[in-house]
């Protein structure tokens, strides 16, 4: 389940891509399949070990084009272990709402992104997230949980303050908003509750169902994304330097 729209965030074979806070690696895997040289970075040791296993399995299965590469590593988003202007593209998906110093993270990404490079950032959308917080403290008030709710215009201003130039936005995963509202209402960890199980089955059908079912659920999601899309996605570029070395 991808949040970034690769028609708005085009990759070229050989692009150096950083998936920052990669989690389970879903965007890193897609970039690898598209021929990029991917680094998936996260501070979670267990998740990085799992992503590393999947990269190896993908290589063995021939899922990535010749010349593509993929590395999974632990690291700190506030002190990235890369030289300036190293990456062509950076993805940071559902991460910034966890980090107190979000401006510091944006500054680090700006530093390691090449002039003309692209950034895709996704965060929980304000309204669906606000409802989750209202329904359940357990949803967000825990170690490593969500510490802020972004408004779209606020995130875009932070991108601009970091020196980046936003060029597009959209919303994603509308079908997931009601799922999380139900979970927050009955208990975030109560996966056995009938409404949770029933709605989860709908999400499974969306991903692996028959073509007819998938076409219906995805049409519904496209229609609902502008209203209750769970994620807000923003795209930005790093300005090219003008002659003489100034931006």
C-alpha atoms as a PDB file:
ATOM      1  CA  UNK A   1       0.000   0.000   0.000  1.00  0.00           C
ATOM      2  CA  UNK A   2       1.828   3.062  -1.284  1.00  0.00           C
ATOM      3  CA  UNK A   3       1.127   6.577  -0.073  1.00  0.00           C
ATOM      4  CA  UNK A   4       3.474   8.373  -2.466  1.00  0.00           C
ATOM      5  CA  UNK A   5       2.175   8.759  -6.026  1.00  0.00           C
ATOM      6  CA  UNK A   6       5.101   7.965  -8.312  1.00  0.00           C
ATOM      7  CA  UNK A   7       3.459   9.745 -11.237  1.00  0.00           C
ATOM      8  CA  UNK A   8       4.022  12.948  -9.229  1.00  0.00           C
ATOM      9  CA  UNK A   9       7.371  11.781  -7.859  1.00  0.00           C
ATOM     10  CA  UNK A  10       9.125  10.285 -10.895  1.00  0.00           C
ATOM     11  CA  UNK A  11      12.163   8.052 -10.474  1.00  0.00           C
ATOM     12  CA  UNK A  12      14.846   7.418 -13.057  1.00  0.00           C
ATOM     13  CA  UNK A  13      16.972   4.251 -13.113  1.00  0.00           C
ATOM     14  CA  UNK A  14      20.076   4.834 -11.045  1.00  0.00           C
ATOM     15  CA  UNK A  15      18.573   7.589  -8.882  1.00  0.00           C
ATOM     16  CA  UNK A  16      19.899   7.640  -5.335  1.00  0.00           C
ATOM     17  CA  UNK A  17      16.847   7.459  -3.096  1.00  0.00           C
ATOM     18  CA  UNK A  18      16.600   7.725   0.682  1.00  0.00           C
ATOM     19  CA  UNK A  19      13.545   6.237   2.382  1.00  0.00           C
ATOM     20  CA  UNK A  20      13.869   8.007   5.725  1.00  0.00           C
ATOM     21  CA  UNK A  21      12.054   6.309   8.578  1.00  0.00           C
ATOM     22  CA  UNK A  22      11.344   3.436   6.217  1.00  0.00           C
ATOM     23  CA  UNK A  23       9.409   1.290   8.715  1.00  0.00           C
ATOM     24  CA  UNK A  24       8.421  -1.939   6.970  1.00  0.00           C
ATOM     25  CA  UNK A  25       9.995  -0.725   3.728  1.00  0.00           C
ATOM     26  CA  UNK A  26       6.983  -0.433   1.400  1.00  0.00           C
ATOM     27  CA  UNK A  27       8.246   2.655  -0.451  1.00  0.00           C
ATOM     28  CA  UNK A  28      11.846   1.433  -0.471  1.00  0.00           C
ATOM     29  CA  UNK A  29      10.736  -1.812  -2.148  1.00  0.00           C
ATOM     30  CA  UNK A  30       8.863   0.091  -4.845  1.00  0.00           C
ATOM     31  CA  UNK A  31      11.851   2.358  -5.538  1.00  0.00           C
ATOM     32  CA  UNK A  32      14.081  -0.719  -5.827  1.00  0.00           C
ATOM     33  CA  UNK A  33      11.653  -2.303  -8.305  1.00  0.00           C
ATOM     34  CA  UNK A  34      11.841   0.888 -10.366  1.00  0.00           C
ATOM     35  CA  UNK A  35      15.619   0.638 -10.691  1.00  0.00           C
ATOM     36  CA  UNK A  36      16.777   3.102  -8.055  1.00  0.00           C
ATOM     37  CA  UNK A  37      19.772   2.809  -5.748  1.00  0.00           C
ATOM     38  CA  UNK A  38      17.892   2.793  -2.466  1.00  0.00           C
ATOM     39  CA  UNK A  39      18.929   3.351   1.119  1.00  0.00           C
ATOM     40  CA  UNK A  40      16.227   2.472   3.634  1.00  0.00           C
ATOM     41  CA  UNK A  41      17.019   4.066   7.007  1.00  0.00           C
ATOM     42  CA  UNK A  42      15.236   3.677  10.326  1.00  0.00           C
ATOM     43  CA  UNK A  43      16.143   3.668  14.013  1.00  0.00           C
ATOM     44  CA  UNK A  44      14.196   0.445  14.658  1.00  0.00           C
ATOM     45  CA  UNK A  45      16.651  -2.462  14.629  1.00  0.00           C
ATOM     46  CA  UNK A  46      14.035  -5.161  14.097  1.00  0.00           C
ATOM     47  CA  UNK A  47      12.371  -3.411  11.167  1.00  0.00           C
ATOM     48  CA  UNK A  48      15.706  -2.767   9.472  1.00  0.00           C
ATOM     49  CA  UNK A  49      16.615  -6.452   9.824  1.00  0.00           C
ATOM     50  CA  UNK A  50      13.311  -7.406   8.199  1.00  0.00           C
ATOM     51  CA  UNK A  51      13.711  -4.884   5.352  1.00  0.00           C
ATOM     52  CA  UNK A  52      17.217  -6.215   4.742  1.00  0.00           C
ATOM     53  CA  UNK A  53      15.811  -9.744   4.401  1.00  0.00           C
ATOM     54  CA  UNK A  54      13.198  -8.581   1.886  1.00  0.00           C
ATOM     55  CA  UNK A  55      15.797  -6.729  -0.171  1.00  0.00           C
ATOM     56  CA  UNK A  56      17.819  -9.944  -0.369  1.00  0.00           C
ATOM     57  CA  UNK A  57      14.735 -11.943  -1.351  1.00  0.00           C
ATOM     58  CA  UNK A  58      13.855  -9.405  -4.061  1.00  0.00           C
ATOM     59  CA  UNK A  59      17.366  -9.577  -5.479  1.00  0.00           C
ATOM     60  CA  UNK A  60      17.264 -13.380  -5.512  1.00  0.00           C
ATOM     61  CA  UNK A  61      13.867 -13.357  -7.225  1.00  0.00           C
ATOM     62  CA  UNK A  62      15.029 -10.878  -9.865  1.00  0.00           C
ATOM     63  CA  UNK A  63      12.395  -8.298  -8.903  1.00  0.00           C
ATOM     64  CA  UNK A  64      14.685  -5.308  -9.446  1.00  0.00           C
ATOM     65  CA  UNK A  65      16.343  -4.249 -12.731  1.00  0.00           C
ATOM     66  CA  UNK A  66      20.028  -4.886 -13.305  1.00  0.00           C
ATOM     67  CA  UNK A  67      22.104  -2.081 -11.813  1.00  0.00           C
ATOM     68  CA  UNK A  68      19.668  -1.238  -9.011  1.00  0.00           C
ATOM     69  CA  UNK A  69      20.855  -1.580  -5.427  1.00  0.00           C
ATOM     70  CA  UNK A  70      19.246  -1.618  -2.001  1.00  0.00           C
ATOM     71  CA  UNK A  71      20.706  -1.160   1.480  1.00  0.00           C
ATOM     72  CA  UNK A  72      18.897  -1.151   4.837  1.00  0.00           C
ATOM     73  CA  UNK A  73      20.608   0.589   7.740  1.00  0.00           C
ATOM     74  CA  UNK A  74      19.984   2.067  11.159  1.00  0.00           C
ATOM     75  CA  UNK A  75      20.394   5.793  11.556  1.00  0.00           C
ATOM     76  CA  UNK A  76      19.277   9.052  13.142  1.00  0.00           C
ATOM     77  CA  UNK A  77      17.086  11.364  11.073  1.00  0.00           C
ATOM     78  CA  UNK A  78      18.590  14.382  12.846  1.00  0.00           C
ATOM     79  CA  UNK A  79      22.176  13.396  11.993  1.00  0.00           C
ATOM     80  CA  UNK A  80      22.105  11.612   8.645  1.00  0.00           C
ATOM     81  CA  UNK A  81      25.362   9.750   7.898  1.00  0.00           C
ATOM     82  CA  UNK A  82      25.641  11.068   4.351  1.00  0.00           C
ATOM     83  CA  UNK A  83      27.589  13.829   2.653  1.00  0.00           C
ATOM     84  CA  UNK A  84      25.931  16.996   1.410  1.00  0.00           C
ATOM     85  CA  UNK A  85      23.860  16.744  -1.803  1.00  0.00           C
ATOM     86  CA  UNK A  86      24.049  12.946  -1.926  1.00  0.00           C
ATOM     87  CA  UNK A  87      20.487  11.949  -2.894  1.00  0.00           C
ATOM     88  CA  UNK A  88      18.375  12.596  -5.966  1.00  0.00           C
ATOM     89  CA  UNK A  89      15.115  11.795  -4.155  1.00  0.00           C
ATOM     90  CA  UNK A  90      13.993  11.475  -0.532  1.00  0.00           C
ATOM     91  CA  UNK A  91      10.803   9.939   0.859  1.00  0.00           C
ATOM     92  CA  UNK A  92       9.716  10.476   4.457  1.00  0.00           C
ATOM     93  CA  UNK A  93       6.339   8.830   5.022  1.00  0.00           C
ATOM     94  CA  UNK A  94       4.329   8.971   8.267  1.00  0.00           C
ATOM     95  CA  UNK A  95       7.421   9.941  10.276  1.00  0.00           C
ATOM     96  CA  UNK A  96       7.489  13.676  11.004  1.00  0.00           C
ATOM     97  CA  UNK A  97       4.480  13.526  13.334  1.00  0.00           C
ATOM     98  CA  UNK A  98       6.657  11.412  15.677  1.00  0.00           C
ATOM     99  CA  UNK A  99       9.707  13.703  15.851  1.00  0.00           C
ATOM    100  CA  UNK A 100       9.868  16.703  18.220  1.00  0.00           C
ATOM    101  CA  UNK A 101      12.435  18.547  16.077  1.00  0.00           C
ATOM    102  CA  UNK A 102      10.679  18.345  12.724  1.00  0.00           C
ATOM    103  CA  UNK A 103      12.488  21.473  11.516  1.00  0.00           C
ATOM    104  CA  UNK A 104      15.801  19.753  12.214  1.00  0.00           C
ATOM    105  CA  UNK A 105      14.752  16.774  10.114  1.00  0.00           C
ATOM    106  CA  UNK A 106      13.750  19.041   7.231  1.00  0.00           C
ATOM    107  CA  UNK A 107      17.097  20.841   7.435  1.00  0.00           C
ATOM    108  CA  UNK A 108      18.963  17.513   7.309  1.00  0.00           C
ATOM    109  CA  UNK A 109      16.963  16.367   4.298  1.00  0.00           C
ATOM    110  CA  UNK A 110      17.654  19.663   2.554  1.00  0.00           C
ATOM    111  CA  UNK A 111      21.369  19.209   3.257  1.00  0.00           C
ATOM    112  CA  UNK A 112      21.646  15.716   1.742  1.00  0.00           C
ATOM    113  CA  UNK A 113      19.329  16.388  -1.225  1.00  0.00           C
ATOM    114  CA  UNK A 114      20.917  17.441  -4.494  1.00  0.00           C
ATOM    115  CA  UNK A 115      19.925  20.751  -6.102  1.00  0.00           C
ATOM    116  CA  UNK A 116      16.971  19.922  -8.321  1.00  0.00           C
ATOM    117  CA  UNK A 117      16.227  16.844  -6.218  1.00  0.00           C
ATOM    118  CA  UNK A 118      12.732  15.927  -5.057  1.00  0.00           C
ATOM    119  CA  UNK A 119      11.215  15.253  -1.638  1.00  0.00           C
ATOM    120  CA  UNK A 120       7.949  13.437  -0.865  1.00  0.00           C
ATOM    121  CA  UNK A 121       6.602  13.820   2.666  1.00  0.00           C
ATOM    122  CA  UNK A 122       3.424  12.250   4.040  1.00  0.00           C
ATOM    123  CA  UNK A 123       1.771  12.879   7.416  1.00  0.00           C
ATOM    124  CA  UNK A 124      -1.610  12.042   8.933  1.00  0.00           C
ATOM    125  CA  UNK A 125      -4.232  14.509   7.701  1.00  0.00           C
ATOM    126  CA  UNK A 126      -5.591  16.994  10.241  1.00  0.00           C
ATOM    127  CA  UNK A 127      -9.303  16.051  10.402  1.00  0.00           C
ATOM    128  CA  UNK A 128      -9.063  12.226  10.473  1.00  0.00           C
ATOM    129  CA  UNK A 129      -6.191  12.484  12.943  1.00  0.00           C
ATOM    130  CA  UNK A 130      -8.078  14.937  15.144  1.00  0.00           C
ATOM    131  CA  UNK A 131     -10.978  12.468  15.362  1.00  0.00           C
ATOM    132  CA  UNK A 132      -8.605   9.654  16.333  1.00  0.00           C
ATOM    133  CA  UNK A 133      -7.092  11.771  19.110  1.00  0.00           C
ATOM    134  CA  UNK A 134     -10.553  12.702  20.376  1.00  0.00           C
ATOM    135  CA  UNK A 135     -11.656   9.064  20.484  1.00  0.00           C
ATOM    136  CA  UNK A 136      -8.564   7.562  22.097  1.00  0.00           C
ATOM    137  CA  UNK A 137      -5.584   8.728  24.134  1.00  0.00           C
ATOM    138  CA  UNK A 138      -4.065   5.287  23.592  1.00  0.00           C
ATOM    139  CA  UNK A 139      -3.859   6.005  19.861  1.00  0.00           C
ATOM    140  CA  UNK A 140      -1.236   8.721  20.266  1.00  0.00           C
ATOM    141  CA  UNK A 141      -0.188   9.242  23.901  1.00  0.00           C
ATOM    142  CA  UNK A 142       2.500   6.580  24.154  1.00  0.00           C
ATOM    143  CA  UNK A 143       6.252   6.359  23.767  1.00  0.00           C
ATOM    144  CA  UNK A 144       7.137   7.042  20.152  1.00  0.00           C
ATOM    145  CA  UNK A 145       3.550   8.035  19.338  1.00  0.00           C
ATOM    146  CA  UNK A 146       2.212  11.006  17.440  1.00  0.00           C
ATOM    147  CA  UNK A 147       3.140  14.284  19.093  1.00  0.00           C
ATOM    148  CA  UNK A 148       1.513  16.744  16.690  1.00  0.00           C
ATOM    149  CA  UNK A 149      -1.247  17.065  14.099  1.00  0.00           C
ATOM    150  CA  UNK A 150      -0.292  18.959  10.952  1.00  0.00           C
ATOM    151  CA  UNK A 151      -2.513  21.225   8.961  1.00  0.00           C
ATOM    152  CA  UNK A 152      -1.626  21.043   5.297  1.00  0.00           C
ATOM    153  CA  UNK A 153      -0.710  24.718   5.015  1.00  0.00           C
ATOM    154  CA  UNK A 154       1.484  24.433   8.123  1.00  0.00           C
ATOM    155  CA  UNK A 155       3.511  21.590   6.604  1.00  0.00           C
ATOM    156  CA  UNK A 156       3.923  23.481   3.331  1.00  0.00           C
ATOM    157  CA  UNK A 157       5.196  26.530   5.221  1.00  0.00           C
ATOM    158  CA  UNK A 158       7.740  24.389   7.047  1.00  0.00           C
ATOM    159  CA  UNK A 159       8.942  23.003   3.734  1.00  0.00           C
ATOM    160  CA  UNK A 160       9.361  26.543   2.409  1.00  0.00           C
ATOM    161  CA  UNK A 161      11.162  27.654   5.587  1.00  0.00           C
ATOM    162  CA  UNK A 162      13.656  24.829   5.049  1.00  0.00           C
ATOM    163  CA  UNK A 163      14.421  26.191   1.562  1.00  0.00           C
ATOM    164  CA  UNK A 164      12.296  23.717  -0.402  1.00  0.00           C
ATOM    165  CA  UNK A 165       9.749  24.565  -3.106  1.00  0.00           C
ATOM    166  CA  UNK A 166       6.425  22.659  -2.834  1.00  0.00           C
ATOM    167  CA  UNK A 167       4.986  21.651  -6.205  1.00  0.00           C
ATOM    168  CA  UNK A 168       1.992  19.467  -5.415  1.00  0.00           C
ATOM    169  CA  UNK A 169      -0.233  17.870  -2.777  1.00  0.00           C
ATOM    170  CA  UNK A 170      -2.964  15.253  -2.509  1.00  0.00           C
ATOM    171  CA  UNK A 171      -4.728  13.044   0.034  1.00  0.00           C
ATOM    172  CA  UNK A 172      -4.565   9.257   0.284  1.00  0.00           C
ATOM    173  CA  UNK A 173      -6.090   6.213   2.024  1.00  0.00           C
ATOM    174  CA  UNK A 174      -9.616   7.447   2.685  1.00  0.00           C
ATOM    175  CA  UNK A 175     -10.811   3.904   3.407  1.00  0.00           C
ATOM    176  CA  UNK A 176      -8.361   3.714   6.296  1.00  0.00           C
ATOM    177  CA  UNK A 177      -9.843   6.666   8.201  1.00  0.00           C
ATOM    178  CA  UNK A 178     -13.056   4.870   9.301  1.00  0.00           C
ATOM    179  CA  UNK A 179     -10.987   1.798  10.173  1.00  0.00           C
ATOM    180  CA  UNK A 180      -8.898   3.795  12.632  1.00  0.00           C
ATOM    181  CA  UNK A 181     -11.940   5.608  14.021  1.00  0.00           C
ATOM    182  CA  UNK A 182     -13.503   2.212  14.777  1.00  0.00           C
ATOM    183  CA  UNK A 183     -10.280   0.956  16.379  1.00  0.00           C
ATOM    184  CA  UNK A 184     -10.004   4.092  18.508  1.00  0.00           C
ATOM    185  CA  UNK A 185     -13.644   3.729  19.622  1.00  0.00           C
ATOM    186  CA  UNK A 186     -13.392   0.049  20.660  1.00  0.00           C
ATOM    187  CA  UNK A 187      -9.743   0.008  21.775  1.00  0.00           C
ATOM    188  CA  UNK A 188      -6.668   0.415  19.591  1.00  0.00           C
ATOM    189  CA  UNK A 189      -5.395  -3.093  20.396  1.00  0.00           C
ATOM    190  CA  UNK A 190      -8.814  -4.776  20.279  1.00  0.00           C
ATOM    191  CA  UNK A 191      -8.469  -6.454  16.898  1.00  0.00           C
ATOM    192  CA  UNK A 192     -11.041  -9.120  17.805  1.00  0.00           C
ATOM    193  CA  UNK A 193     -13.953  -6.692  17.951  1.00  0.00           C
ATOM    194  CA  UNK A 194     -16.470  -7.557  15.216  1.00  0.00           C
ATOM    195  CA  UNK A 195     -16.538  -4.073  13.592  1.00  0.00           C
ATOM    196  CA  UNK A 196     -12.733  -4.053  13.420  1.00  0.00           C
ATOM    197  CA  UNK A 197     -12.568  -7.549  11.907  1.00  0.00           C
ATOM    198  CA  UNK A 198     -15.282  -6.748   9.369  1.00  0.00           C
ATOM    199  CA  UNK A 199     -13.691  -3.501   8.232  1.00  0.00           C
ATOM    200  CA  UNK A 200     -10.254  -5.088   8.098  1.00  0.00           C
ATOM    201  CA  UNK A 201     -11.666  -7.658   5.680  1.00  0.00           C
ATOM    202  CA  UNK A 202     -12.800  -4.807   3.435  1.00  0.00           C
ATOM    203  CA  UNK A 203      -9.243  -3.443   3.393  1.00  0.00           C
ATOM    204  CA  UNK A 204      -7.892  -6.885   2.571  1.00  0.00           C
ATOM    205  CA  UNK A 205     -10.349  -7.166  -0.323  1.00  0.00           C
ATOM    206  CA  UNK A 206      -9.128  -3.796  -1.578  1.00  0.00           C
ATOM    207  CA  UNK A 207      -5.566  -5.105  -1.755  1.00  0.00           C
ATOM    208  CA  UNK A 208      -5.968  -8.755  -2.799  1.00  0.00           C
ATOM    209  CA  UNK A 209      -9.602  -9.072  -3.863  1.00  0.00           C
ATOM    210  CA  UNK A 210     -10.972  -9.860  -7.284  1.00  0.00           C
ATOM    211  CA  UNK A 211     -10.545  -7.217  -9.995  1.00  0.00           C
ATOM    212  CA  UNK A 212     -14.220  -6.262  -9.669  1.00  0.00           C
ATOM    213  CA  UNK A 213     -14.055  -5.762  -5.905  1.00  0.00           C
ATOM    214  CA  UNK A 214     -10.733  -3.930  -6.079  1.00  0.00           C
ATOM    215  CA  UNK A 215     -12.028  -1.616  -8.794  1.00  0.00           C
ATOM    216  CA  UNK A 216     -15.058  -0.740  -6.645  1.00  0.00           C
ATOM    217  CA  UNK A 217     -13.087  -0.104  -3.455  1.00  0.00           C
ATOM    218  CA  UNK A 218     -10.473   1.950  -5.243  1.00  0.00           C
ATOM    219  CA  UNK A 219     -13.100   4.028  -7.025  1.00  0.00           C
ATOM    220  CA  UNK A 220     -14.703   4.690  -3.640  1.00  0.00           C
ATOM    221  CA  UNK A 221     -11.353   5.666  -2.172  1.00  0.00           C
ATOM    222  CA  UNK A 222     -10.573   8.069  -5.010  1.00  0.00           C
ATOM    223  CA  UNK A 223     -13.928   9.765  -4.475  1.00  0.00           C
ATOM    224  CA  UNK A 224     -13.467   9.978  -0.699  1.00  0.00           C
ATOM    225  CA  UNK A 225      -9.786  10.978  -0.584  1.00  0.00           C
ATOM    226  CA  UNK A 226     -10.464  14.731  -0.858  1.00  0.00           C
ATOM    227  CA  UNK A 227     -12.918  14.481   2.047  1.00  0.00           C
ATOM    228  CA  UNK A 228     -11.492  11.982   4.552  1.00  0.00           C
ATOM    229  CA  UNK A 229      -8.143  10.850   3.124  1.00  0.00           C
ATOM    230  CA  UNK A 230      -6.076   9.560   6.055  1.00  0.00           C
ATOM    231  CA  UNK A 231      -2.766  10.939   4.752  1.00  0.00           C
ATOM    232  CA  UNK A 232      -1.705  14.343   3.450  1.00  0.00           C
ATOM    233  CA  UNK A 233       1.045  14.056   0.855  1.00  0.00           C
ATOM    234  CA  UNK A 234       3.256  16.957  -0.220  1.00  0.00           C
ATOM    235  CA  UNK A 235       5.942  17.088  -2.894  1.00  0.00           C
ATOM    236  CA  UNK A 236       8.770  19.617  -3.008  1.00  0.00           C
ATOM    237  CA  UNK A 237      11.993  20.276  -4.878  1.00  0.00           C
ATOM    238  CA  UNK A 238      15.315  21.711  -3.829  1.00  0.00           C
ATOM    239  CA  UNK A 239      16.098  24.772  -5.956  1.00  0.00           C
ATOM    240  CA  UNK A 240      18.936  24.536  -8.426  1.00  0.00           C
ATOM    241  CA  UNK A 241      21.870  26.795  -7.664  1.00  0.00           C
ATOM    242  CA  UNK A 242      22.254  29.803  -9.916  1.00  0.00           C
ATOM    243  CA  UNK A 243      25.616  30.454 -11.621  1.00  0.00           C
ATOM    244  CA  UNK A 244      28.150  31.588  -9.074  1.00  0.00           C
ATOM    245  CA  UNK A 245      26.927  29.167  -6.402  1.00  0.00           C
ATOM    246  CA  UNK A 246      23.974  31.145  -5.044  1.00  0.00           C
ATOM    247  CA  UNK A 247      20.429  29.780  -4.888  1.00  0.00           C
END
